C-alpha atoms as a PDB file:
ATOM      1  CA  UNK A   1       0.000   0.000   0.000  1.00  0.00           C
ATOM      2  CA  UNK A   2       1.154   3.521  -0.812  1.00  0.00           C
ATOM      3  CA  UNK A   3       0.036   6.730   0.819  1.00  0.00           C
ATOM      4  CA  UNK A   4       0.649  10.067  -0.868  1.00  0.00           C
ATOM      5  CA  UNK A   5       0.515  13.444   0.833  1.00  0.00           C
ATOM      6  CA  UNK A   6       0.730  16.639  -1.199  1.00  0.00           C
ATOM      7  CA  UNK A   7       1.812  19.985   0.159  1.00  0.00           C
ATOM      8  CA  UNK A   8       2.881  23.391  -1.103  1.00  0.00           C
ATOM      9  CA  UNK A   9      -0.350  24.665  -2.573  1.00  0.00           C
ATOM     10  CA  UNK A  10      -1.734  28.099  -1.813  1.00  0.00           C
ATOM     11  CA  UNK A  11      -2.723  31.472  -3.172  1.00  0.00           C
ATOM     12  CA  UNK A  12      -0.320  33.240  -5.503  1.00  0.00           C
ATOM     13  CA  UNK A  13      -0.529  36.177  -7.872  1.00  0.00           C
ATOM     14  CA  UNK A  14      -0.293  35.681 -11.592  1.00  0.00           C
ATOM     15  CA  UNK A  15       3.322  35.402 -12.657  1.00  0.00           C
ATOM     16  CA  UNK A  16       4.351  33.875  -9.352  1.00  0.00           C
ATOM     17  CA  UNK A  17       5.741  30.460  -8.544  1.00  0.00           C
ATOM     18  CA  UNK A  18       4.912  27.543  -6.295  1.00  0.00           C
ATOM     19  CA  UNK A  19       6.582  24.215  -5.655  1.00  0.00           C
ATOM     20  CA  UNK A  20       4.338  21.300  -4.836  1.00  0.00           C
ATOM     21  CA  UNK A  21       5.684  18.296  -2.979  1.00  0.00           C
ATOM     22  CA  UNK A  22       4.276  14.799  -2.710  1.00  0.00           C
ATOM     23  CA  UNK A  23       5.647  12.571   0.022  1.00  0.00           C
ATOM     24  CA  UNK A  24       5.104   8.862  -0.414  1.00  0.00           C
ATOM     25  CA  UNK A  25       5.010   6.236   2.282  1.00  0.00           C
ATOM     26  CA  UNK A  26       5.084   2.548   1.674  1.00  0.00           C
ATOM     27  CA  UNK A  27       7.337   0.317  -0.288  1.00  0.00           C
ATOM     28  CA  UNK A  28       9.351   0.557  -3.444  1.00  0.00           C
ATOM     29  CA  UNK A  29       8.947   4.249  -4.284  1.00  0.00           C
ATOM     30  CA  UNK A  30      11.810   3.988  -6.767  1.00  0.00           C
ATOM     31  CA  UNK A  31       9.950   1.332  -8.753  1.00  0.00           C
ATOM     32  CA  UNK A  32       6.904   3.512  -9.350  1.00  0.00           C
ATOM     33  CA  UNK A  33       6.231   6.082 -12.011  1.00  0.00           C
ATOM     34  CA  UNK A  34       4.763   9.276 -10.576  1.00  0.00           C
ATOM     35  CA  UNK A  35       2.379  11.798 -12.028  1.00  0.00           C
ATOM     36  CA  UNK A  36       0.672  15.084 -11.311  1.00  0.00           C
ATOM     37  CA  UNK A  37      -2.896  15.786 -12.368  1.00  0.00           C
ATOM     38  CA  UNK A  38      -5.190  18.711 -11.726  1.00  0.00           C
ATOM     39  CA  UNK A  39      -8.891  19.401 -11.611  1.00  0.00           C
ATOM     40  CA  UNK A  40     -10.414  22.830 -11.972  1.00  0.00           C
ATOM     41  CA  UNK A  41     -13.969  23.593 -10.810  1.00  0.00           C
ATOM     42  CA  UNK A  42     -16.499  22.176 -13.228  1.00  0.00           C
ATOM     43  CA  UNK A  43     -13.853  20.421 -15.305  1.00  0.00           C
ATOM     44  CA  UNK A  44     -12.532  16.912 -15.590  1.00  0.00           C
ATOM     45  CA  UNK A  45      -9.258  15.870 -14.042  1.00  0.00           C
ATOM     46  CA  UNK A  46      -6.423  16.432 -16.491  1.00  0.00           C
ATOM     47  CA  UNK A  47      -2.871  15.271 -16.829  1.00  0.00           C
ATOM     48  CA  UNK A  48      -0.110  17.731 -15.946  1.00  0.00           C
ATOM     49  CA  UNK A  49       3.229  15.897 -15.811  1.00  0.00           C
ATOM     50  CA  UNK A  50       4.777  12.503 -15.182  1.00  0.00           C
ATOM     51  CA  UNK A  51       8.201  11.112 -14.407  1.00  0.00           C
ATOM     52  CA  UNK A  52       9.693   7.671 -14.741  1.00  0.00           C
ATOM     53  CA  UNK A  53      11.057   5.533 -11.915  1.00  0.00           C
ATOM     54  CA  UNK A  54      14.603   6.842 -12.086  1.00  0.00           C
ATOM     55  CA  UNK A  55      13.748  10.458 -12.797  1.00  0.00           C
ATOM     56  CA  UNK A  56      15.569  10.428 -16.106  1.00  0.00           C
ATOM     57  CA  UNK A  57      12.507  10.805 -18.303  1.00  0.00           C
ATOM     58  CA  UNK A  58       9.580  13.189 -18.047  1.00  0.00           C
ATOM     59  CA  UNK A  59       6.489  14.135 -20.007  1.00  0.00           C
ATOM     60  CA  UNK A  60       4.259  17.201 -19.821  1.00  0.00           C
ATOM     61  CA  UNK A  61       0.882  18.377 -20.962  1.00  0.00           C
ATOM     62  CA  UNK A  62       1.223  20.889 -23.779  1.00  0.00           C
ATOM     63  CA  UNK A  63      -0.452  23.517 -21.614  1.00  0.00           C
ATOM     64  CA  UNK A  64       2.367  23.477 -19.035  1.00  0.00           C
ATOM     65  CA  UNK A  65       5.392  22.604 -21.152  1.00  0.00           C
ATOM     66  CA  UNK A  66       8.214  25.031 -20.419  1.00  0.00           C
ATOM     67  CA  UNK A  67       6.325  26.379 -17.418  1.00  0.00           C
ATOM     68  CA  UNK A  68       6.243  23.434 -14.987  1.00  0.00           C
ATOM     69  CA  UNK A  69       9.013  21.005 -14.040  1.00  0.00           C
ATOM     70  CA  UNK A  70       8.508  17.615 -12.436  1.00  0.00           C
ATOM     71  CA  UNK A  71      11.326  15.988 -10.480  1.00  0.00           C
ATOM     72  CA  UNK A  72      11.820  13.329  -7.841  1.00  0.00           C
ATOM     73  CA  UNK A  73      14.153  12.456  -5.020  1.00  0.00           C
ATOM     74  CA  UNK A  74      14.044   8.709  -4.487  1.00  0.00           C
ATOM     75  CA  UNK A  75      16.135   8.979  -1.336  1.00  0.00           C
ATOM     76  CA  UNK A  76      13.379  11.105   0.184  1.00  0.00           C
ATOM     77  CA  UNK A  77      10.426   9.269  -1.408  1.00  0.00           C
ATOM     78  CA  UNK A  78       9.234  12.599  -2.756  1.00  0.00           C
ATOM     79  CA  UNK A  79       8.144  13.979  -6.094  1.00  0.00           C
ATOM     80  CA  UNK A  80       7.981  17.683  -6.852  1.00  0.00           C
ATOM     81  CA  UNK A  81       6.207  19.987  -9.261  1.00  0.00           C
ATOM     82  CA  UNK A  82       7.861  23.355  -9.757  1.00  0.00           C
ATOM     83  CA  UNK A  83       5.332  25.761 -11.226  1.00  0.00           C
ATOM     84  CA  UNK A  84       6.538  29.065 -12.660  1.00  0.00           C
ATOM     85  CA  UNK A  85       4.824  31.971 -14.412  1.00  0.00           C
ATOM     86  CA  UNK A  86       1.501  30.891 -12.981  1.00  0.00           C
ATOM     87  CA  UNK A  87      -1.692  32.000 -14.677  1.00  0.00           C
ATOM     88  CA  UNK A  88      -5.268  32.186 -13.391  1.00  0.00           C
ATOM     89  CA  UNK A  89      -6.115  29.205 -15.602  1.00  0.00           C
ATOM     90  CA  UNK A  90      -3.669  27.100 -13.555  1.00  0.00           C
ATOM     91  CA  UNK A  91      -6.083  27.364 -10.623  1.00  0.00           C
ATOM     92  CA  UNK A  92      -7.092  23.834  -9.650  1.00  0.00           C
ATOM     93  CA  UNK A  93      -6.721  21.109  -7.099  1.00  0.00           C
ATOM     94  CA  UNK A  94      -3.458  19.330  -7.867  1.00  0.00           C
ATOM     95  CA  UNK A  95      -3.181  15.604  -7.258  1.00  0.00           C
ATOM     96  CA  UNK A  96      -0.140  13.400  -6.991  1.00  0.00           C
ATOM     97  CA  UNK A  97      -0.403   9.844  -8.289  1.00  0.00           C
ATOM     98  CA  UNK A  98       1.754   6.724  -8.135  1.00  0.00           C
ATOM     99  CA  UNK A  99       1.751   3.757 -10.440  1.00  0.00           C
ATOM    100  CA  UNK A 100       1.938   0.155  -9.387  1.00  0.00           C
ATOM    101  CA  UNK A 101       5.457  -1.193  -9.087  1.00  0.00           C
ATOM    102  CA  UNK A 102       7.233  -1.542 -12.414  1.00  0.00           C
ATOM    103  CA  UNK A 103       4.657   0.231 -14.558  1.00  0.00           C
ATOM    104  CA  UNK A 104       5.807   2.836 -17.059  1.00  0.00           C
ATOM    105  CA  UNK A 105       4.855   6.457 -16.674  1.00  0.00           C
ATOM    106  CA  UNK A 106       1.722   7.578 -18.451  1.00  0.00           C
ATOM    107  CA  UNK A 107      -0.508  10.524 -19.202  1.00  0.00           C
ATOM    108  CA  UNK A 108      -3.593   8.425 -18.408  1.00  0.00           C
ATOM    109  CA  UNK A 109      -5.108   8.616 -14.941  1.00  0.00           C
ATOM    110  CA  UNK A 110      -6.222   4.978 -15.037  1.00  0.00           C
ATOM    111  CA  UNK A 111      -2.593   3.899 -15.219  1.00  0.00           C
ATOM    112  CA  UNK A 112      -2.060   5.154 -11.671  1.00  0.00           C
ATOM    113  CA  UNK A 113      -3.163   3.126  -8.683  1.00  0.00           C
ATOM    114  CA  UNK A 114      -2.561   5.479  -5.771  1.00  0.00           C
ATOM    115  CA  UNK A 115      -3.680   9.066  -5.309  1.00  0.00           C
ATOM    116  CA  UNK A 116      -3.136  11.826  -2.813  1.00  0.00           C
ATOM    117  CA  UNK A 117      -5.884  13.941  -1.323  1.00  0.00           C
ATOM    118  CA  UNK A 118      -4.971  16.971  -3.442  1.00  0.00           C
ATOM    119  CA  UNK A 119      -3.690  20.445  -2.720  1.00  0.00           C
ATOM    120  CA  UNK A 120      -5.404  23.642  -3.817  1.00  0.00           C
ATOM    121  CA  UNK A 121      -3.558  26.087  -6.042  1.00  0.00           C
ATOM    122  CA  UNK A 122      -5.242  29.438  -6.620  1.00  0.00           C
ATOM    123  CA  UNK A 123      -3.743  32.016  -8.963  1.00  0.00           C
ATOM    124  CA  UNK A 124      -5.186  35.495  -8.736  1.00  0.00           C
ATOM    125  CA  UNK A 125      -5.144  37.936 -11.628  1.00  0.00           C
END
């Protein structure tokens, strides 16, 4: 079993930055792909970014490419999402997700088996 706890969300002005963290408990963190998703009010959950088990490969949604950076520290069982140049349309609840052991990273939410409770990010104009 894996438990994920996000932190780092909050209220920021447009153009500002935030760094989200997701701390994982449980076994074999370094065998799991990790992803970030977000859900804005009235919208479906959407993919943001994902990273492979070693941290050597990443993928981003087109809407955040060049703006957000996903990274991980396997020694600390933590994955990060650095968000720069934030815009009001980035306002959402951000969720961290972990795959089952050995699975490749993916943009699809159904490929992830464990989810955090989410952290709110609000960007004011």
